[in-house]
Amino acid sequence: MQTECSAGAYEFPASCGRRVVARFDGGRMSSDGGVILVKQADDILGLSRRFAACFRDKRHPGFVEYRVEDLVRQRIMGLALGYEDLNDHDALRHDLIFGLASGRLSGGRTNCAALAGKSTLNRLERSGHKADRYCRIIADHEALATELPRVLWRRNDPRGKKDS
């Protein structure tokens, strides 16, 4: 029996004002197409928004290229696709699929990539209880400790309301 190939296209919700279509005709490729599904799950569950609310950003607004929510979203997407090492993000920051899923196809400044690199993400990960000269993003560890179980053990209320 001969293999029958289908060259169909799969359409996803638009992002950054562009159509998102998965095709299998060998055009511009990425092995990380699953990030679009992770983005849709994040949109539904609000993980990035909820975890970003557990941080205080003390950076000067005029110099901020990546919001805390953008950094959290990028880190969640990377972890979901198996990129647990921050070094991986120096290549991923130029990946169009990751940029599309993050809602950024280009940087806000001419010398910036669409997504953050390892050094910027490291500032989020090493955030402490108070700001210092080099770490201006402050984690509320109590809020993180409270939010994580809420996300992991979310259950349905018998009255039809969701715990969140």
N, C-alpha and C. Protein backbone atom coordinates (compact mmCIF):
# COMPACT_ATOMS: atom_id res chain seq x y z
N MET A 1 0.84 -1.17 0.00
CA MET A 1 0.00 0.00 0.00
C MET A 1 0.89 1.24 0.00
N GLN A 2 0.58 2.17 -0.86
CA GLN A 2 1.38 3.38 -0.99
C GLN A 2 0.94 4.44 0.03
N THR A 3 1.91 5.17 0.56
CA THR A 3 1.62 6.23 1.51
C THR A 3 0.91 7.37 0.81
N GLU A 4 -0.14 7.87 1.44
CA GLU A 4 -0.88 9.00 0.87
C GLU A 4 -0.59 10.24 1.71
N CYS A 5 0.03 11.22 1.09
CA CYS A 5 0.41 12.44 1.80
C CYS A 5 -0.63 13.53 1.55
N SER A 6 -0.92 14.25 2.58
CA SER A 6 -1.86 15.36 2.48
C SER A 6 -1.09 16.66 2.72
N ALA A 7 -1.19 17.58 1.80
CA ALA A 7 -0.47 18.85 1.92
C ALA A 7 -1.40 19.94 2.43
N GLY A 8 -2.30 19.57 3.32
CA GLY A 8 -3.25 20.55 3.85
C GLY A 8 -2.57 21.59 4.71
N ALA A 9 -3.30 22.63 4.96
CA ALA A 9 -2.80 23.70 5.83
C ALA A 9 -3.72 23.80 7.04
N TYR A 10 -3.15 24.16 8.17
CA TYR A 10 -3.90 24.32 9.40
C TYR A 10 -3.81 25.77 9.84
N GLU A 11 -4.95 26.39 10.03
CA GLU A 11 -4.98 27.80 10.40
C GLU A 11 -5.19 27.96 11.90
N PHE A 12 -4.41 28.86 12.50
CA PHE A 12 -4.51 29.20 13.92
C PHE A 12 -5.00 30.63 14.04
N PRO A 13 -5.40 31.05 15.25
CA PRO A 13 -5.84 32.45 15.41
C PRO A 13 -4.72 33.42 15.01
N ALA A 14 -5.10 34.54 14.43
CA ALA A 14 -4.13 35.55 13.99
C ALA A 14 -3.34 36.08 15.17
N SER A 15 -2.11 36.48 14.91
CA SER A 15 -1.24 37.05 15.94
C SER A 15 -0.41 38.15 15.31
N CYS A 16 -0.24 39.25 16.02
CA CYS A 16 0.55 40.40 15.53
C CYS A 16 0.00 40.91 14.20
N GLY A 17 -1.31 40.78 13.99
CA GLY A 17 -1.92 41.26 12.76
C GLY A 17 -1.63 40.40 11.55
N ARG A 18 -1.16 39.19 11.75
CA ARG A 18 -0.83 38.30 10.64
C ARG A 18 -1.55 36.97 10.78
N ARG A 19 -1.82 36.36 9.64
CA ARG A 19 -2.40 35.01 9.64
C ARG A 19 -1.33 34.03 10.10
N VAL A 20 -1.75 33.02 10.85
CA VAL A 20 -0.83 31.97 11.28
C VAL A 20 -1.33 30.67 10.66
N VAL A 21 -0.52 30.14 9.75
CA VAL A 21 -0.90 28.94 9.02
C VAL A 21 0.25 27.94 9.10
N ALA A 22 -0.05 26.70 9.49
CA ALA A 22 0.94 25.63 9.49
C ALA A 22 0.77 24.86 8.19
N ARG A 23 1.85 24.81 7.41
CA ARG A 23 1.84 24.05 6.16
C ARG A 23 3.02 23.10 6.16
N PHE A 24 2.97 22.16 5.28
CA PHE A 24 4.02 21.15 5.23
C PHE A 24 4.64 21.08 3.84
N ASP A 25 4.89 22.26 3.26
CA ASP A 25 5.44 22.32 1.91
C ASP A 25 6.92 22.68 1.89
N GLY A 26 7.57 22.74 3.05
CA GLY A 26 9.01 22.96 3.09
C GLY A 26 9.43 24.41 3.03
N GLY A 27 8.53 25.34 3.28
CA GLY A 27 8.91 26.75 3.31
C GLY A 27 9.74 27.04 4.55
N ARG A 28 9.67 28.22 5.07
CA ARG A 28 10.43 28.58 6.27
C ARG A 28 10.00 27.68 7.42
N MET A 29 10.96 26.97 8.04
CA MET A 29 10.61 25.93 9.01
C MET A 29 11.13 26.21 10.41
N SER A 30 10.45 25.61 11.37
CA SER A 30 10.88 25.62 12.76
C SER A 30 10.42 24.31 13.38
N SER A 31 11.23 23.79 14.27
CA SER A 31 10.85 22.55 14.95
C SER A 31 10.02 22.83 16.19
N ASP A 32 9.72 24.10 16.44
CA ASP A 32 9.01 24.49 17.66
C ASP A 32 7.59 24.97 17.40
N GLY A 33 6.90 24.38 16.44
CA GLY A 33 5.53 24.77 16.14
C GLY A 33 4.58 24.56 17.30
N GLY A 34 4.92 23.66 18.22
CA GLY A 34 4.09 23.40 19.38
C GLY A 34 3.94 24.60 20.30
N VAL A 35 4.81 25.60 20.14
CA VAL A 35 4.73 26.79 20.98
C VAL A 35 3.42 27.54 20.75
N ILE A 36 2.82 27.38 19.59
CA ILE A 36 1.54 28.03 19.31
C ILE A 36 0.45 27.42 20.20
N LEU A 37 0.50 26.12 20.41
CA LEU A 37 -0.46 25.47 21.31
C LEU A 37 -0.22 25.89 22.76
N VAL A 38 1.06 26.04 23.13
CA VAL A 38 1.39 26.50 24.48
C VAL A 38 0.84 27.91 24.68
N LYS A 39 0.96 28.76 23.65
CA LYS A 39 0.44 30.13 23.71
C LYS A 39 -1.07 30.11 23.92
N GLN A 40 -1.77 29.25 23.18
CA GLN A 40 -3.22 29.17 23.34
C GLN A 40 -3.60 28.71 24.75
N ALA A 41 -2.86 27.75 25.30
CA ALA A 41 -3.12 27.31 26.67
C ALA A 41 -2.85 28.44 27.66
N ASP A 42 -1.77 29.20 27.42
CA ASP A 42 -1.45 30.33 28.29
C ASP A 42 -2.54 31.40 28.21
N ASP A 43 -3.06 31.63 27.02
CA ASP A 43 -4.14 32.61 26.87
C ASP A 43 -5.38 32.19 27.66
N ILE A 44 -5.68 30.91 27.65
CA ILE A 44 -6.87 30.40 28.35
C ILE A 44 -6.66 30.39 29.87
N LEU A 45 -5.51 29.90 30.31
CA LEU A 45 -5.25 29.76 31.75
C LEU A 45 -4.70 31.02 32.40
N GLY A 46 -4.13 31.90 31.61
CA GLY A 46 -3.57 33.14 32.15
C GLY A 46 -2.34 32.94 33.02
N LEU A 47 -1.54 31.91 32.74
CA LEU A 47 -0.38 31.61 33.57
C LEU A 47 0.62 32.77 33.59
N SER A 48 0.97 33.28 32.43
CA SER A 48 1.96 34.37 32.37
C SER A 48 1.48 35.58 33.16
N ARG A 49 0.24 35.94 32.97
CA ARG A 49 -0.33 37.10 33.66
C ARG A 49 -0.33 36.87 35.17
N ARG A 50 -0.74 35.67 35.59
CA ARG A 50 -0.85 35.37 37.01
C ARG A 50 0.52 35.34 37.70
N PHE A 51 1.50 34.73 37.05
CA PHE A 51 2.83 34.67 37.65
C PHE A 51 3.54 36.02 37.57
N ALA A 52 3.32 36.77 36.50
CA ALA A 52 3.94 38.10 36.39
C ALA A 52 3.46 39.03 37.50
N ALA A 53 2.23 38.83 37.95
CA ALA A 53 1.69 39.65 39.03
C ALA A 53 2.42 39.41 40.36
N CYS A 54 3.23 38.37 40.42
CA CYS A 54 4.00 38.05 41.63
C CYS A 54 5.36 38.75 41.66
N PHE A 55 5.61 39.62 40.69
CA PHE A 55 6.88 40.35 40.62
C PHE A 55 6.60 41.85 40.63
N ARG A 56 7.54 42.61 41.20
CA ARG A 56 7.50 44.07 41.13
C ARG A 56 8.66 44.52 40.26
N ASP A 57 8.38 45.36 39.30
CA ASP A 57 9.40 45.82 38.36
C ASP A 57 9.86 47.21 38.76
N LYS A 58 11.09 47.32 39.22
CA LYS A 58 11.66 48.60 39.66
C LYS A 58 12.60 49.19 38.61
N ARG A 59 12.54 48.67 37.38
CA ARG A 59 13.40 49.20 36.32
C ARG A 59 12.84 50.54 35.84
N HIS A 60 13.71 51.36 35.30
CA HIS A 60 13.30 52.66 34.75
C HIS A 60 12.47 52.39 33.49
N PRO A 61 11.21 52.83 33.44
CA PRO A 61 10.31 52.51 32.32
C PRO A 61 10.87 52.92 30.95
N GLY A 62 11.66 53.96 30.90
CA GLY A 62 12.21 54.42 29.62
C GLY A 62 13.25 53.48 29.03
N PHE A 63 13.78 52.59 29.84
CA PHE A 63 14.82 51.68 29.37
C PHE A 63 14.35 50.23 29.29
N VAL A 64 13.09 49.99 29.56
CA VAL A 64 12.56 48.61 29.57
C VAL A 64 12.14 48.20 28.16
N GLU A 65 12.74 47.15 27.66
CA GLU A 65 12.39 46.60 26.36
C GLU A 65 11.39 45.45 26.51
N TYR A 66 11.55 44.64 27.55
CA TYR A 66 10.71 43.46 27.76
C TYR A 66 10.01 43.57 29.11
N ARG A 67 8.68 43.62 29.09
CA ARG A 67 7.90 43.68 30.33
C ARG A 67 8.07 42.37 31.10
N VAL A 68 7.81 42.40 32.39
CA VAL A 68 7.93 41.20 33.21
C VAL A 68 7.02 40.10 32.67
N GLU A 69 5.80 40.46 32.27
CA GLU A 69 4.90 39.44 31.72
C GLU A 69 5.48 38.80 30.46
N ASP A 70 6.16 39.59 29.63
CA ASP A 70 6.81 39.04 28.43
C ASP A 70 7.90 38.05 28.82
N LEU A 71 8.69 38.40 29.83
CA LEU A 71 9.77 37.52 30.28
C LEU A 71 9.21 36.22 30.86
N VAL A 72 8.17 36.33 31.67
CA VAL A 72 7.55 35.14 32.26
C VAL A 72 6.97 34.26 31.15
N ARG A 73 6.28 34.87 30.19
CA ARG A 73 5.68 34.11 29.08
C ARG A 73 6.77 33.38 28.29
N GLN A 74 7.85 34.08 27.97
CA GLN A 74 8.93 33.46 27.21
C GLN A 74 9.53 32.29 27.98
N ARG A 75 9.70 32.45 29.27
CA ARG A 75 10.29 31.38 30.09
C ARG A 75 9.36 30.18 30.18
N ILE A 76 8.06 30.43 30.36
CA ILE A 76 7.08 29.33 30.41
C ILE A 76 7.08 28.57 29.10
N MET A 77 7.06 29.29 27.98
CA MET A 77 7.04 28.63 26.68
C MET A 77 8.31 27.82 26.45
N GLY A 78 9.45 28.37 26.84
CA GLY A 78 10.70 27.64 26.70
C GLY A 78 10.71 26.36 27.52
N LEU A 79 10.27 26.46 28.77
CA LEU A 79 10.22 25.28 29.63
C LEU A 79 9.25 24.24 29.09
N ALA A 80 8.11 24.67 28.60
CA ALA A 80 7.10 23.73 28.07
C ALA A 80 7.62 22.96 26.87
N LEU A 81 8.54 23.56 26.12
CA LEU A 81 9.10 22.89 24.94
C LEU A 81 10.45 22.25 25.20
N GLY A 82 10.86 22.19 26.47
CA GLY A 82 12.09 21.48 26.81
C GLY A 82 13.35 22.32 26.81
N TYR A 83 13.22 23.62 26.74
CA TYR A 83 14.39 24.50 26.78
C TYR A 83 14.56 25.02 28.20
N GLU A 84 15.05 24.15 29.08
CA GLU A 84 15.18 24.55 30.48
C GLU A 84 16.41 25.40 30.74
N ASP A 85 17.38 25.35 29.85
CA ASP A 85 18.62 26.12 30.02
C ASP A 85 18.45 27.52 29.43
N LEU A 86 18.81 28.54 30.19
CA LEU A 86 18.68 29.91 29.70
C LEU A 86 19.54 30.17 28.47
N ASN A 87 20.64 29.43 28.32
CA ASN A 87 21.50 29.62 27.14
C ASN A 87 20.73 29.38 25.84
N ASP A 88 19.74 28.50 25.87
CA ASP A 88 18.93 28.21 24.68
C ASP A 88 18.21 29.45 24.17
N HIS A 89 17.91 30.38 25.06
CA HIS A 89 17.14 31.56 24.67
C HIS A 89 17.93 32.55 23.83
N ASP A 90 19.26 32.43 23.80
CA ASP A 90 20.02 33.32 22.92
C ASP A 90 19.75 32.98 21.45
N ALA A 91 19.42 31.73 21.15
CA ALA A 91 19.01 31.36 19.79
C ALA A 91 17.50 31.55 19.61
N LEU A 92 16.73 31.17 20.63
CA LEU A 92 15.26 31.27 20.54
C LEU A 92 14.78 32.71 20.38
N ARG A 93 15.55 33.67 20.85
CA ARG A 93 15.12 35.07 20.78
C ARG A 93 14.96 35.55 19.35
N HIS A 94 15.56 34.82 18.40
CA HIS A 94 15.46 35.18 16.98
C HIS A 94 14.48 34.27 16.23
N ASP A 95 13.88 33.30 16.92
CA ASP A 95 12.97 32.34 16.29
C ASP A 95 11.62 33.00 16.03
N LEU A 96 11.19 32.99 14.77
CA LEU A 96 9.93 33.65 14.40
C LEU A 96 8.71 33.01 15.06
N ILE A 97 8.72 31.69 15.23
CA ILE A 97 7.57 31.02 15.85
C ILE A 97 7.45 31.44 17.32
N PHE A 98 8.58 31.49 18.03
CA PHE A 98 8.54 31.95 19.43
C PHE A 98 8.10 33.41 19.50
N GLY A 99 8.61 34.22 18.58
CA GLY A 99 8.21 35.63 18.55
C GLY A 99 6.73 35.78 18.29
N LEU A 100 6.23 35.00 17.35
CA LEU A 100 4.81 35.04 17.01
C LEU A 100 3.95 34.64 18.21
N ALA A 101 4.35 33.58 18.89
CA ALA A 101 3.60 33.12 20.06
C ALA A 101 3.67 34.12 21.21
N SER A 102 4.75 34.89 21.26
CA SER A 102 4.90 35.89 22.31
C SER A 102 4.29 37.23 21.94
N GLY A 103 3.82 37.34 20.72
CA GLY A 103 3.21 38.59 20.27
C GLY A 103 4.23 39.64 19.87
N ARG A 104 5.46 39.22 19.59
CA ARG A 104 6.52 40.16 19.21
C ARG A 104 7.31 39.58 18.04
N LEU A 105 7.20 40.20 16.89
CA LEU A 105 7.98 39.74 15.74
C LEU A 105 9.27 40.52 15.57
N SER A 106 9.39 41.63 16.26
CA SER A 106 10.64 42.40 16.22
C SER A 106 10.77 43.16 17.53
N GLY A 107 11.99 43.58 17.80
CA GLY A 107 12.25 44.35 19.02
C GLY A 107 11.73 45.76 18.88
N GLY A 108 11.52 46.41 19.99
CA GLY A 108 11.04 47.79 19.99
C GLY A 108 12.11 48.77 19.54
N ARG A 109 13.36 48.40 19.73
CA ARG A 109 14.49 49.23 19.30
C ARG A 109 15.21 48.53 18.16
N THR A 110 15.94 49.27 17.39
CA THR A 110 16.60 48.69 16.22
C THR A 110 17.66 47.66 16.59
N ASN A 111 18.28 47.79 17.75
CA ASN A 111 19.34 46.85 18.12
C ASN A 111 18.85 45.71 19.03
N CYS A 112 17.55 45.54 19.16
CA CYS A 112 16.99 44.50 20.04
C CYS A 112 16.31 43.40 19.24
N ALA A 113 16.49 42.17 19.71
CA ALA A 113 15.78 41.04 19.12
C ALA A 113 14.33 41.05 19.61
N ALA A 114 13.51 40.24 18.96
CA ALA A 114 12.09 40.20 19.32
C ALA A 114 11.89 39.73 20.76
N LEU A 115 12.72 38.80 21.21
CA LEU A 115 12.59 38.24 22.56
C LEU A 115 13.86 38.46 23.37
N ALA A 116 13.75 38.25 24.66
CA ALA A 116 14.87 38.46 25.57
C ALA A 116 15.90 37.35 25.44
N GLY A 117 17.14 37.68 25.72
CA GLY A 117 18.22 36.71 25.74
C GLY A 117 18.45 36.18 27.15
N LYS A 118 19.49 35.35 27.27
CA LYS A 118 19.75 34.68 28.55
C LYS A 118 20.03 35.65 29.69
N SER A 119 20.73 36.73 29.42
CA SER A 119 21.09 37.67 30.50
C SER A 119 19.85 38.36 31.07
N THR A 120 18.95 38.77 30.20
CA THR A 120 17.72 39.43 30.65
C THR A 120 16.84 38.46 31.43
N LEU A 121 16.69 37.24 30.92
CA LEU A 121 15.89 36.24 31.63
C LEU A 121 16.53 35.86 32.97
N ASN A 122 17.85 35.89 33.03
CA ASN A 122 18.54 35.57 34.27
C ASN A 122 18.20 36.59 35.36
N ARG A 123 17.99 37.83 34.99
CA ARG A 123 17.61 38.85 35.98
C ARG A 123 16.27 38.50 36.62
N LEU A 124 15.36 37.94 35.83
CA LEU A 124 14.07 37.51 36.38
C LEU A 124 14.27 36.34 37.35
N GLU A 125 15.09 35.38 36.94
CA GLU A 125 15.27 34.17 37.75
C GLU A 125 16.04 34.43 39.03
N ARG A 126 16.93 35.40 39.04
CA ARG A 126 17.70 35.64 40.26
C ARG A 126 17.12 36.77 41.10
N SER A 127 15.90 37.15 40.80
CA SER A 127 15.28 38.24 41.56
C SER A 127 15.15 37.84 43.03
N GLY A 128 15.44 38.79 43.87
CA GLY A 128 15.40 38.53 45.31
C GLY A 128 14.23 39.22 45.97
N HIS A 129 14.36 39.47 47.26
CA HIS A 129 13.30 40.11 48.04
C HIS A 129 13.33 41.62 47.93
N LYS A 130 14.48 42.17 47.52
CA LYS A 130 14.59 43.62 47.38
C LYS A 130 15.47 43.95 46.19
N ALA A 131 15.27 45.15 45.65
CA ALA A 131 16.04 45.58 44.49
C ALA A 131 17.47 45.90 44.89
N ASP A 132 18.39 45.62 43.99
CA ASP A 132 19.76 46.08 44.16
C ASP A 132 20.20 46.72 42.84
N ARG A 133 21.44 47.07 42.75
CA ARG A 133 21.91 47.80 41.57
C ARG A 133 21.71 47.01 40.28
N TYR A 134 21.91 45.70 40.33
CA TYR A 134 21.86 44.90 39.12
C TYR A 134 20.57 44.10 38.97
N CYS A 135 19.81 44.00 40.01
CA CYS A 135 18.58 43.22 39.95
C CYS A 135 17.41 44.11 40.37
N ARG A 136 16.67 44.59 39.39
CA ARG A 136 15.61 45.55 39.64
C ARG A 136 14.21 44.92 39.56
N ILE A 137 14.15 43.63 39.33
CA ILE A 137 12.87 42.91 39.33
C ILE A 137 12.81 42.13 40.64
N ILE A 138 11.78 42.39 41.43
CA ILE A 138 11.69 41.82 42.77
C ILE A 138 10.57 40.79 42.81
N ALA A 139 10.91 39.59 43.27
CA ALA A 139 9.92 38.52 43.37
C ALA A 139 9.22 38.59 44.72
N ASP A 140 7.91 38.42 44.69
CA ASP A 140 7.14 38.26 45.92
C ASP A 140 7.02 36.75 46.13
N HIS A 141 7.96 36.19 46.90
CA HIS A 141 8.04 34.74 47.05
C HIS A 141 6.80 34.15 47.70
N GLU A 142 6.17 34.88 48.59
CA GLU A 142 4.93 34.40 49.21
C GLU A 142 3.82 34.29 48.17
N ALA A 143 3.72 35.29 47.31
CA ALA A 143 2.70 35.25 46.25
C ALA A 143 2.96 34.10 45.29
N LEU A 144 4.23 33.88 44.93
CA LEU A 144 4.58 32.76 44.05
C LEU A 144 4.23 31.43 44.71
N ALA A 145 4.53 31.30 46.00
CA ALA A 145 4.23 30.06 46.72
C ALA A 145 2.73 29.82 46.84
N THR A 146 1.95 30.88 46.83
CA THR A 146 0.49 30.76 46.88
C THR A 146 -0.08 30.48 45.50
N GLU A 147 0.46 31.12 44.49
CA GLU A 147 -0.09 31.01 43.13
C GLU A 147 0.20 29.65 42.50
N LEU A 148 1.38 29.11 42.74
CA LEU A 148 1.74 27.83 42.12
C LEU A 148 0.76 26.72 42.47
N PRO A 149 0.42 26.50 43.74
CA PRO A 149 -0.59 25.46 44.02
C PRO A 149 -1.95 25.77 43.40
N ARG A 150 -2.32 27.04 43.34
CA ARG A 150 -3.60 27.39 42.71
C ARG A 150 -3.62 26.96 41.25
N VAL A 151 -2.52 27.16 40.57
CA VAL A 151 -2.44 26.79 39.16
C VAL A 151 -2.42 25.27 39.01
N LEU A 152 -1.62 24.60 39.83
CA LEU A 152 -1.45 23.15 39.68
C LEU A 152 -2.65 22.35 40.14
N TRP A 153 -3.33 22.82 41.18
CA TRP A 153 -4.45 22.05 41.73
C TRP A 153 -5.78 22.74 41.55
N ARG A 154 -5.91 23.43 40.44
CA ARG A 154 -7.16 24.12 40.14
C ARG A 154 -8.27 23.07 40.01
N ARG A 155 -9.37 23.32 40.66
CA ARG A 155 -10.46 22.34 40.60
C ARG A 155 -11.78 23.06 40.35
N ASN A 156 -12.78 22.29 39.96
CA ASN A 156 -14.10 22.86 39.73
C ASN A 156 -14.88 22.94 41.04
N ASP A 157 -15.52 24.05 41.23
CA ASP A 157 -16.40 24.26 42.37
C ASP A 157 -17.72 23.54 42.06
N PRO A 158 -18.35 22.87 43.02
CA PRO A 158 -19.60 22.16 42.76
C PRO A 158 -20.71 23.07 42.23
N ARG A 159 -20.62 24.37 42.52
CA ARG A 159 -21.64 25.30 42.04
C ARG A 159 -21.36 25.78 40.62
N GLY A 160 -20.30 25.24 39.99
CA GLY A 160 -20.01 25.62 38.61
C GLY A 160 -18.98 26.72 38.47
N LYS A 161 -18.52 27.27 39.60
CA LYS A 161 -17.49 28.32 39.53
C LYS A 161 -16.13 27.67 39.63
N LYS A 162 -15.15 28.27 38.96
CA LYS A 162 -13.79 27.74 39.01
C LYS A 162 -12.99 28.44 40.09
N ASP A 163 -12.19 27.66 40.82
CA ASP A 163 -11.21 28.25 41.74
C ASP A 163 -10.08 28.79 40.89
N SER A 164 -9.55 29.93 41.25
CA SER A 164 -8.39 30.43 40.50
C SER A 164 -7.42 31.14 41.40
